[in-house]
C-alpha atoms as a PDB file:
ATOM      1  CA  UNK A   1      -0.008   0.002  -0.002  1.00  0.00           C
ATOM      2  CA  UNK A   2       1.315   3.442  -0.998  1.00  0.00           C
ATOM      3  CA  UNK A   3       0.083   6.355   1.115  1.00  0.00           C
ATOM      4  CA  UNK A   4       0.469   9.577  -0.892  1.00  0.00           C
ATOM      5  CA  UNK A   5      -0.880  11.974   1.760  1.00  0.00           C
ATOM      6  CA  UNK A   6       0.850  12.161   5.155  1.00  0.00           C
ATOM      7  CA  UNK A   7       2.122  15.088   7.207  1.00  0.00           C
ATOM      8  CA  UNK A   8       5.201  15.683   9.365  1.00  0.00           C
ATOM      9  CA  UNK A   9       4.101  19.007  10.884  1.00  0.00           C
ATOM     10  CA  UNK A  10       5.073  20.392  14.257  1.00  0.00           C
ATOM     11  CA  UNK A  11       2.931  22.858  16.191  1.00  0.00           C
ATOM     12  CA  UNK A  12       5.576  25.541  15.600  1.00  0.00           C
ATOM     13  CA  UNK A  13       5.057  25.207  11.848  1.00  0.00           C
ATOM     14  CA  UNK A  14       1.423  26.266  12.229  1.00  0.00           C
ATOM     15  CA  UNK A  15       2.123  29.639  13.810  1.00  0.00           C
ATOM     16  CA  UNK A  16      -1.219  30.743  15.265  1.00  0.00           C
ATOM     17  CA  UNK A  17      -3.333  29.086  12.553  1.00  0.00           C
ATOM     18  CA  UNK A  18      -4.176  25.747  14.214  1.00  0.00           C
ATOM     19  CA  UNK A  19      -5.126  27.115  17.616  1.00  0.00           C
ATOM     20  CA  UNK A  20      -7.050  30.066  16.230  1.00  0.00           C
ATOM     21  CA  UNK A  21      -8.944  28.458  13.360  1.00  0.00           C
ATOM     22  CA  UNK A  22      -8.572  24.669  13.238  1.00  0.00           C
ATOM     23  CA  UNK A  23      -8.760  23.548  16.865  1.00  0.00           C
ATOM     24  CA  UNK A  24     -12.281  25.009  17.321  1.00  0.00           C
ATOM     25  CA  UNK A  25     -13.431  22.789  14.425  1.00  0.00           C
ATOM     26  CA  UNK A  26     -11.439  19.633  15.114  1.00  0.00           C
ATOM     27  CA  UNK A  27     -11.851  19.940  18.882  1.00  0.00           C
ATOM     28  CA  UNK A  28      -8.340  19.001  19.910  1.00  0.00           C
ATOM     29  CA  UNK A  29      -4.838  20.439  20.059  1.00  0.00           C
ATOM     30  CA  UNK A  30      -2.332  19.659  17.366  1.00  0.00           C
ATOM     31  CA  UNK A  31      -0.213  16.585  18.127  1.00  0.00           C
ATOM     32  CA  UNK A  32       3.341  16.891  16.861  1.00  0.00           C
ATOM     33  CA  UNK A  33       4.310  14.103  14.482  1.00  0.00           C
ATOM     34  CA  UNK A  34       7.283  12.216  15.901  1.00  0.00           C
ATOM     35  CA  UNK A  35       9.288   9.758  13.842  1.00  0.00           C
ATOM     36  CA  UNK A  36       8.386   6.946  16.234  1.00  0.00           C
ATOM     37  CA  UNK A  37       4.660   7.675  16.014  1.00  0.00           C
ATOM     38  CA  UNK A  38       4.892   7.978  12.262  1.00  0.00           C
ATOM     39  CA  UNK A  39       6.621   4.606  11.847  1.00  0.00           C
ATOM     40  CA  UNK A  40       4.104   2.938  14.163  1.00  0.00           C
ATOM     41  CA  UNK A  41       1.193   4.333  12.173  1.00  0.00           C
ATOM     42  CA  UNK A  42       2.712   3.347   8.835  1.00  0.00           C
ATOM     43  CA  UNK A  43       2.987  -0.374   9.588  1.00  0.00           C
ATOM     44  CA  UNK A  44       1.679  -2.170   6.535  1.00  0.00           C
ATOM     45  CA  UNK A  45       2.456   0.796   4.286  1.00  0.00           C
ATOM     46  CA  UNK A  46       5.047   0.074   1.602  1.00  0.00           C
ATOM     47  CA  UNK A  47       5.966   3.733   1.112  1.00  0.00           C
ATOM     48  CA  UNK A  48       4.503   7.101   2.054  1.00  0.00           C
ATOM     49  CA  UNK A  49       4.672  10.631   0.655  1.00  0.00           C
ATOM     50  CA  UNK A  50       5.292  13.086   3.476  1.00  0.00           C
ATOM     51  CA  UNK A  51       5.159  16.888   3.635  1.00  0.00           C
ATOM     52  CA  UNK A  52       4.267  19.938   5.685  1.00  0.00           C
ATOM     53  CA  UNK A  53       2.505  23.163   4.716  1.00  0.00           C
ATOM     54  CA  UNK A  54       3.647  26.581   3.641  1.00  0.00           C
ATOM     55  CA  UNK A  55       1.308  29.556   3.431  1.00  0.00           C
ATOM     56  CA  UNK A  56       3.203  32.758   4.014  1.00  0.00           C
ATOM     57  CA  UNK A  57       0.103  34.927   4.353  1.00  0.00           C
ATOM     58  CA  UNK A  58      -1.125  32.697   7.199  1.00  0.00           C
ATOM     59  CA  UNK A  59       2.232  32.420   8.939  1.00  0.00           C
ATOM     60  CA  UNK A  60       2.450  28.680   8.266  1.00  0.00           C
ATOM     61  CA  UNK A  61       5.772  27.188   7.189  1.00  0.00           C
ATOM     62  CA  UNK A  62       7.500  23.778   7.141  1.00  0.00           C
ATOM     63  CA  UNK A  63      11.101  23.942   5.962  1.00  0.00           C
ATOM     64  CA  UNK A  64      12.814  21.713   3.422  1.00  0.00           C
ATOM     65  CA  UNK A  65      15.436  20.930   6.060  1.00  0.00           C
ATOM     66  CA  UNK A  66      12.811  19.591   8.445  1.00  0.00           C
ATOM     67  CA  UNK A  67      11.149  17.351   5.854  1.00  0.00           C
ATOM     68  CA  UNK A  68      14.481  15.993   4.622  1.00  0.00           C
ATOM     69  CA  UNK A  69      15.618  15.186   8.186  1.00  0.00           C
ATOM     70  CA  UNK A  70      12.283  13.596   9.013  1.00  0.00           C
ATOM     71  CA  UNK A  71      12.456  11.344   5.961  1.00  0.00           C
ATOM     72  CA  UNK A  72      16.049  10.369   6.750  1.00  0.00           C
ATOM     73  CA  UNK A  73      15.063   9.347  10.280  1.00  0.00           C
ATOM     74  CA  UNK A  74      12.030   7.156   9.508  1.00  0.00           C
ATOM     75  CA  UNK A  75      12.201   3.407   9.143  1.00  0.00           C
ATOM     76  CA  UNK A  76       9.236   3.751   6.791  1.00  0.00           C
ATOM     77  CA  UNK A  77      10.220   4.234   3.150  1.00  0.00           C
ATOM     78  CA  UNK A  78       9.264   7.837   2.533  1.00  0.00           C
ATOM     79  CA  UNK A  79       9.096  10.192  -0.427  1.00  0.00           C
ATOM     80  CA  UNK A  80       9.638  13.727   0.820  1.00  0.00           C
ATOM     81  CA  UNK A  81       7.762  16.673  -0.639  1.00  0.00           C
ATOM     82  CA  UNK A  82       8.709  20.299  -0.047  1.00  0.00           C
ATOM     83  CA  UNK A  83       5.975  22.741   1.002  1.00  0.00           C
ATOM     84  CA  UNK A  84       6.189  25.890  -1.091  1.00  0.00           C
ATOM     85  CA  UNK A  85       4.255  29.096  -1.597  1.00  0.00           C
ATOM     86  CA  UNK A  86       4.601  30.557  -5.129  1.00  0.00           C
ATOM     87  CA  UNK A  87       4.041  34.055  -3.747  1.00  0.00           C
ATOM     88  CA  UNK A  88       7.411  33.933  -1.941  1.00  0.00           C
ATOM     89  CA  UNK A  89       9.926  35.991  -3.945  1.00  0.00           C
ATOM     90  CA  UNK A  90      12.589  33.293  -3.448  1.00  0.00           C
ATOM     91  CA  UNK A  91      10.341  30.329  -4.250  1.00  0.00           C
ATOM     92  CA  UNK A  92      12.544  29.102  -7.134  1.00  0.00           C
ATOM     93  CA  UNK A  93      15.550  29.108  -4.788  1.00  0.00           C
ATOM     94  CA  UNK A  94      13.498  27.159  -2.229  1.00  0.00           C
ATOM     95  CA  UNK A  95      12.593  24.681  -4.959  1.00  0.00           C
ATOM     96  CA  UNK A  96      16.216  24.209  -6.000  1.00  0.00           C
ATOM     97  CA  UNK A  97      17.150  23.664  -2.356  1.00  0.00           C
ATOM     98  CA  UNK A  98      14.461  20.998  -2.007  1.00  0.00           C
ATOM     99  CA  UNK A  99      15.633  19.214  -5.134  1.00  0.00           C
ATOM    100  CA  UNK A 100      19.196  19.271  -3.792  1.00  0.00           C
ATOM    101  CA  UNK A 101      17.932  17.673  -0.580  1.00  0.00           C
ATOM    102  CA  UNK A 102      16.288  14.842  -2.508  1.00  0.00           C
ATOM    103  CA  UNK A 103      12.658  15.967  -2.196  1.00  0.00           C
ATOM    104  CA  UNK A 104      10.527  14.704  -5.063  1.00  0.00           C
ATOM    105  CA  UNK A 105       7.400  16.832  -5.027  1.00  0.00           C
ATOM    106  CA  UNK A 106       5.723  20.023  -3.833  1.00  0.00           C
ATOM    107  CA  UNK A 107       2.734  20.487  -1.550  1.00  0.00           C
ATOM    108  CA  UNK A 108       0.744  23.633  -2.455  1.00  0.00           C
ATOM    109  CA  UNK A 109      -1.941  25.280  -0.331  1.00  0.00           C
ATOM    110  CA  UNK A 110      -3.578  28.129  -2.286  1.00  0.00           C
ATOM    111  CA  UNK A 111      -6.602  28.420   0.025  1.00  0.00           C
ATOM    112  CA  UNK A 112      -4.362  29.658   2.873  1.00  0.00           C
ATOM    113  CA  UNK A 113      -1.524  31.094   0.801  1.00  0.00           C
ATOM    114  CA  UNK A 114      -4.010  33.280  -1.091  1.00  0.00           C
ATOM    115  CA  UNK A 115      -2.709  32.722  -4.608  1.00  0.00           C
ATOM    116  CA  UNK A 116      -4.684  31.892  -7.700  1.00  0.00           C
ATOM    117  CA  UNK A 117      -3.198  28.788  -9.391  1.00  0.00           C
ATOM    118  CA  UNK A 118      -4.436  30.105 -12.757  1.00  0.00           C
ATOM    119  CA  UNK A 119      -2.341  33.270 -12.588  1.00  0.00           C
ATOM    120  CA  UNK A 120       0.205  33.203 -15.419  1.00  0.00           C
ATOM    121  CA  UNK A 121       2.673  34.908 -13.080  1.00  0.00           C
ATOM    122  CA  UNK A 122       3.252  31.435 -11.625  1.00  0.00           C
ATOM    123  CA  UNK A 123       4.179  29.850 -14.964  1.00  0.00           C
ATOM    124  CA  UNK A 124       7.963  30.050 -14.294  1.00  0.00           C
ATOM    125  CA  UNK A 125       7.302  28.126 -11.078  1.00  0.00           C
ATOM    126  CA  UNK A 126       5.327  25.419 -12.889  1.00  0.00           C
ATOM    127  CA  UNK A 127       7.891  25.216 -15.662  1.00  0.00           C
ATOM    128  CA  UNK A 128      10.730  24.792 -13.190  1.00  0.00           C
ATOM    129  CA  UNK A 129       8.819  22.074 -11.329  1.00  0.00           C
ATOM    130  CA  UNK A 130       8.148  20.166 -14.567  1.00  0.00           C
ATOM    131  CA  UNK A 131      11.759  20.444 -15.655  1.00  0.00           C
ATOM    132  CA  UNK A 132      12.890  19.064 -12.281  1.00  0.00           C
ATOM    133  CA  UNK A 133      10.465  16.134 -12.563  1.00  0.00           C
ATOM    134  CA  UNK A 134       8.557  17.187  -9.455  1.00  0.00           C
ATOM    135  CA  UNK A 135       4.988  16.206  -8.616  1.00  0.00           C
ATOM    136  CA  UNK A 136       2.619  18.975  -7.478  1.00  0.00           C
ATOM    137  CA  UNK A 137       0.167  17.938  -4.763  1.00  0.00           C
ATOM    138  CA  UNK A 138      -2.576  20.514  -4.311  1.00  0.00           C
ATOM    139  CA  UNK A 139      -4.734  20.960  -1.262  1.00  0.00           C
ATOM    140  CA  UNK A 140      -8.015  21.559  -3.020  1.00  0.00           C
ATOM    141  CA  UNK A 141     -11.364  22.283  -1.459  1.00  0.00           C
ATOM    142  CA  UNK A 142     -12.514  23.114   2.032  1.00  0.00           C
ATOM    143  CA  UNK A 143     -10.669  24.647   4.944  1.00  0.00           C
ATOM    144  CA  UNK A 144     -11.796  25.396   8.506  1.00  0.00           C
ATOM    145  CA  UNK A 145      -9.748  28.607   8.547  1.00  0.00           C
ATOM    146  CA  UNK A 146     -11.645  31.873   8.504  1.00  0.00           C
ATOM    147  CA  UNK A 147      -8.710  33.280   6.532  1.00  0.00           C
ATOM    148  CA  UNK A 148      -9.070  30.732   3.718  1.00  0.00           C
ATOM    149  CA  UNK A 149      -9.993  31.945   0.230  1.00  0.00           C
ATOM    150  CA  UNK A 150     -12.384  29.367  -1.212  1.00  0.00           C
ATOM    151  CA  UNK A 151     -12.385  31.197  -4.536  1.00  0.00           C
ATOM    152  CA  UNK A 152      -8.977  29.759  -5.481  1.00  0.00           C
ATOM    153  CA  UNK A 153      -9.431  26.182  -4.311  1.00  0.00           C
ATOM    154  CA  UNK A 154     -11.988  24.627  -6.678  1.00  0.00           C
ATOM    155  CA  UNK A 155     -10.369  21.734  -8.557  1.00  0.00           C
ATOM    156  CA  UNK A 156     -11.294  23.382 -11.856  1.00  0.00           C
ATOM    157  CA  UNK A 157      -8.360  25.755 -11.348  1.00  0.00           C
ATOM    158  CA  UNK A 158      -6.011  22.798 -11.844  1.00  0.00           C
ATOM    159  CA  UNK A 159      -7.424  22.302 -15.351  1.00  0.00           C
ATOM    160  CA  UNK A 160      -5.954  25.603 -16.528  1.00  0.00           C
ATOM    161  CA  UNK A 161      -2.548  24.761 -15.044  1.00  0.00           C
ATOM    162  CA  UNK A 162      -2.691  21.381 -16.782  1.00  0.00           C
ATOM    163  CA  UNK A 163      -3.625  22.901 -20.137  1.00  0.00           C
ATOM    164  CA  UNK A 164      -0.660  25.280 -20.031  1.00  0.00           C
ATOM    165  CA  UNK A 165       1.722  22.677 -18.555  1.00  0.00           C
ATOM    166  CA  UNK A 166       0.537  19.269 -19.802  1.00  0.00           C
ATOM    167  CA  UNK A 167       3.768  17.480 -18.863  1.00  0.00           C
ATOM    168  CA  UNK A 168       3.490  18.559 -15.202  1.00  0.00           C
ATOM    169  CA  UNK A 169       2.321  15.741 -12.938  1.00  0.00           C
ATOM    170  CA  UNK A 170      -0.335  16.952 -10.485  1.00  0.00           C
ATOM    171  CA  UNK A 171      -2.360  15.409  -7.658  1.00  0.00           C
ATOM    172  CA  UNK A 172      -5.617  16.950  -6.388  1.00  0.00           C
ATOM    173  CA  UNK A 173      -5.863  16.117  -2.681  1.00  0.00           C
ATOM    174  CA  UNK A 174      -9.044  14.940  -0.953  1.00  0.00           C
ATOM    175  CA  UNK A 175     -10.815  14.473  -4.301  1.00  0.00           C
ATOM    176  CA  UNK A 176     -11.228  18.250  -4.170  1.00  0.00           C
ATOM    177  CA  UNK A 177     -13.932  18.046  -1.478  1.00  0.00           C
ATOM    178  CA  UNK A 178     -16.680  19.238  -1.654  1.00  0.00           C
ATOM    179  CA  UNK A 179     -16.220  19.608  -5.427  1.00  0.00           C
ATOM    180  CA  UNK A 180     -15.600  15.925  -6.153  1.00  0.00           C
ATOM    181  CA  UNK A 181     -17.681  15.973  -9.330  1.00  0.00           C
ATOM    182  CA  UNK A 182     -15.506  18.745 -10.743  1.00  0.00           C
ATOM    183  CA  UNK A 183     -12.444  16.689  -9.846  1.00  0.00           C
ATOM    184  CA  UNK A 184     -13.720  13.794 -11.968  1.00  0.00           C
ATOM    185  CA  UNK A 185     -13.995  15.883 -15.115  1.00  0.00           C
ATOM    186  CA  UNK A 186     -10.554  17.377 -14.559  1.00  0.00           C
ATOM    187  CA  UNK A 187      -9.062  13.887 -14.159  1.00  0.00           C
ATOM    188  CA  UNK A 188     -10.781  12.545 -17.274  1.00  0.00           C
ATOM    189  CA  UNK A 189      -9.426  15.210 -19.645  1.00  0.00           C
ATOM    190  CA  UNK A 190      -5.900  15.715 -18.296  1.00  0.00           C
ATOM    191  CA  UNK A 191      -3.568  12.752 -18.611  1.00  0.00           C
ATOM    192  CA  UNK A 192      -1.070  13.901 -15.973  1.00  0.00           C
ATOM    193  CA  UNK A 193      -3.584  14.887 -13.286  1.00  0.00           C
ATOM    194  CA  UNK A 194      -4.509  12.431 -10.484  1.00  0.00           C
ATOM    195  CA  UNK A 195      -6.357  12.684  -7.201  1.00  0.00           C
ATOM    196  CA  UNK A 196      -5.928  11.169  -3.759  1.00  0.00           C
ATOM    197  CA  UNK A 197      -8.883   9.986  -1.667  1.00  0.00           C
ATOM    198  CA  UNK A 198      -7.583  11.184   1.701  1.00  0.00           C
ATOM    199  CA  UNK A 199     -10.407  12.121   4.122  1.00  0.00           C
ATOM    200  CA  UNK A 200     -13.033  11.086   1.543  1.00  0.00           C
ATOM    201  CA  UNK A 201     -14.497   8.380   3.760  1.00  0.00           C
ATOM    202  CA  UNK A 202     -14.795  10.728   6.792  1.00  0.00           C
ATOM    203  CA  UNK A 203     -18.005  12.198   5.310  1.00  0.00           C
ATOM    204  CA  UNK A 204     -19.629   8.963   4.165  1.00  0.00           C
ATOM    205  CA  UNK A 205     -22.300  10.347   1.840  1.00  0.00           C
ATOM    206  CA  UNK A 206     -19.813  12.559  -0.016  1.00  0.00           C
ATOM    207  CA  UNK A 207     -17.297   9.696  -0.028  1.00  0.00           C
ATOM    208  CA  UNK A 208     -19.848   7.250  -1.429  1.00  0.00           C
ATOM    209  CA  UNK A 209     -21.030   9.621  -4.148  1.00  0.00           C
ATOM    210  CA  UNK A 210     -17.511  10.627  -5.149  1.00  0.00           C
ATOM    211  CA  UNK A 211     -16.291   7.065  -5.628  1.00  0.00           C
ATOM    212  CA  UNK A 212     -19.455   6.079  -7.509  1.00  0.00           C
ATOM    213  CA  UNK A 213     -18.877   9.100  -9.752  1.00  0.00           C
ATOM    214  CA  UNK A 214     -15.287   7.981 -10.307  1.00  0.00           C
ATOM    215  CA  UNK A 215     -16.654   4.635 -11.505  1.00  0.00           C
ATOM    216  CA  UNK A 216     -19.237   6.285 -13.753  1.00  0.00           C
ATOM    217  CA  UNK A 217     -16.698   8.714 -15.266  1.00  0.00           C
ATOM    218  CA  UNK A 218     -14.130   5.957 -15.777  1.00  0.00           C
ATOM    219  CA  UNK A 219     -11.346   7.538 -13.711  1.00  0.00           C
ATOM    220  CA  UNK A 220     -10.863   4.964 -10.953  1.00  0.00           C
ATOM    221  CA  UNK A 221      -7.391   4.284 -12.337  1.00  0.00           C
ATOM    222  CA  UNK A 222      -6.435   7.887 -11.545  1.00  0.00           C
ATOM    223  CA  UNK A 223      -7.296   7.669  -7.848  1.00  0.00           C
ATOM    224  CA  UNK A 224      -4.578   7.263  -5.210  1.00  0.00           C
ATOM    225  CA  UNK A 225      -4.741   6.112  -1.616  1.00  0.00           C
ATOM    226  CA  UNK A 226      -4.009   8.709   1.081  1.00  0.00           C
ATOM    227  CA  UNK A 227      -4.625   8.666   4.828  1.00  0.00           C
ATOM    228  CA  UNK A 228      -4.181  12.353   5.794  1.00  0.00           C
ATOM    229  CA  UNK A 229      -2.060  11.211   8.775  1.00  0.00           C
ATOM    230  CA  UNK A 230      -1.960  12.330  11.601  1.00  0.00           C
ATOM    231  CA  UNK A 231      -5.607  13.385  11.325  1.00  0.00           C
ATOM    232  CA  UNK A 232      -6.267   9.722  10.532  1.00  0.00           C
ATOM    233  CA  UNK A 233      -4.035   6.660  10.362  1.00  0.00           C
ATOM    234  CA  UNK A 234      -3.781   4.470   7.272  1.00  0.00           C
ATOM    235  CA  UNK A 235      -5.665   1.715   9.147  1.00  0.00           C
ATOM    236  CA  UNK A 236      -8.526   4.103   9.906  1.00  0.00           C
ATOM    237  CA  UNK A 237      -8.598   5.226   6.276  1.00  0.00           C
ATOM    238  CA  UNK A 238      -8.696   1.649   4.984  1.00  0.00           C
ATOM    239  CA  UNK A 239     -11.571   0.723   7.303  1.00  0.00           C
ATOM    240  CA  UNK A 240     -13.457   3.868   6.376  1.00  0.00           C
ATOM    241  CA  UNK A 241     -13.047   3.273   2.643  1.00  0.00           C
ATOM    242  CA  UNK A 242     -14.186  -0.326   2.923  1.00  0.00           C
ATOM    243  CA  UNK A 243     -17.292   0.766   4.861  1.00  0.00           C
ATOM    244  CA  UNK A 244     -18.336   2.815   1.824  1.00  0.00           C
ATOM    245  CA  UNK A 245     -18.968  -0.446  -0.057  1.00  0.00           C
ATOM    246  CA  UNK A 246     -21.734  -1.246   2.453  1.00  0.00           C
ATOM    247  CA  UNK A 247     -23.870   1.786   1.518  1.00  0.00           C
ATOM    248  CA  UNK A 248     -26.808   0.919  -0.678  1.00  0.00           C
ATOM    249  CA  UNK A 249     -29.021   3.330  -2.597  1.00  0.00           C
ATOM    250  CA  UNK A 250     -31.859   1.656  -4.565  1.00  0.00           C
ATOM    251  CA  UNK A 251     -31.377   1.892  -8.313  1.00  0.00           C
ATOM    252  CA  UNK A 252     -27.743   2.998  -8.039  1.00  0.00           C
ATOM    253  CA  UNK A 253     -24.590   0.928  -8.276  1.00  0.00           C
ATOM    254  CA  UNK A 254     -22.642   1.212  -5.086  1.00  0.00           C
ATOM    255  CA  UNK A 255     -18.911   1.524  -4.486  1.00  0.00           C
ATOM    256  CA  UNK A 256     -17.420  -1.675  -5.840  1.00  0.00           C
ATOM    257  CA  UNK A 257     -15.066  -3.655  -3.635  1.00  0.00           C
ATOM    258  CA  UNK A 258     -12.549  -3.816  -6.494  1.00  0.00           C
ATOM    259  CA  UNK A 259     -12.468   0.011  -6.581  1.00  0.00           C
ATOM    260  CA  UNK A 260     -11.285   0.060  -2.968  1.00  0.00           C
ATOM    261  CA  UNK A 261      -8.877  -2.833  -3.272  1.00  0.00           C
ATOM    262  CA  UNK A 262      -7.259  -1.309  -6.330  1.00  0.00           C
ATOM    263  CA  UNK A 263      -6.555   1.825  -4.303  1.00  0.00           C
ATOM    264  CA  UNK A 264      -4.871  -0.276  -1.640  1.00  0.00           C
ATOM    265  CA  UNK A 265      -2.943  -2.616  -3.948  1.00  0.00           C
ATOM    266  CA  UNK A 266      -1.622  -0.359  -6.732  1.00  0.00           C
ATOM    267  CA  UNK A 267       1.829   1.217  -6.632  1.00  0.00           C
ATOM    268  CA  UNK A 268       1.476   4.569  -8.473  1.00  0.00           C
ATOM    269  CA  UNK A 269       5.087   5.701  -8.140  1.00  0.00           C
ATOM    270  CA  UNK A 270       6.132   4.824 -11.673  1.00  0.00           C
ATOM    271  CA  UNK A 271       2.952   6.407 -13.034  1.00  0.00           C
ATOM    272  CA  UNK A 272       3.821   9.613 -11.176  1.00  0.00           C
ATOM    273  CA  UNK A 273       7.426   9.538 -12.315  1.00  0.00           C
ATOM    274  CA  UNK A 274       8.766   8.754  -8.815  1.00  0.00           C
ATOM    275  CA  UNK A 275      11.058   5.744  -8.967  1.00  0.00           C
END
């Protein structure tokens, strides 16, 4: 099992954001991710993509150094992603630093960083990422933060990036919740765009409908397993996804068991260009 959506954040990386805007929604303090806890949670996982968050406008930042050290210290096979904000004036230097440290992708968070992915001012950033063979993983969709800009986080914005940069490999996180239907049509038309299912099962009706839509639109092969650790463990995500197959709506095909098992069995690293 390959988990493409895990975090290595510390409370200090959040600035004031978690306590001010996320804790009231999630109802608990942030638990720092230790290497030991991470390895314990990842038992049964063949490899995991791991990253933090950077959103300069929100005071949130995880450094390349931290991610690289974290990956070096885990027993779990990890693929480190840098967390970048294209609005930073030195973002290309940060990218080059991440590449030099062996990081293979970039986590982007436009809803908190307050940038529009469609803005052509970011084209040099996308071009540099494609030339370096990096995978972009977008947080798309909802946020509990009152500072979040929902106008720049609909999965349809990824379509324009993909049309201008078709060779760039991109992953839409969380199936773009709550715009999962829009995610399906973006996946179908763009060969190098994929989506992870992290947190999909946590809202069962949305999770059920989104995976049925993936079946109807013929894009199941573009879905990737993700747990969203530490919010949930891989084991919790697997159990939640399998429970979706138990939902029945008269007259409608449900989530097929083979849809879930494919998510858990496939190794997408070659498909994503990550050896």
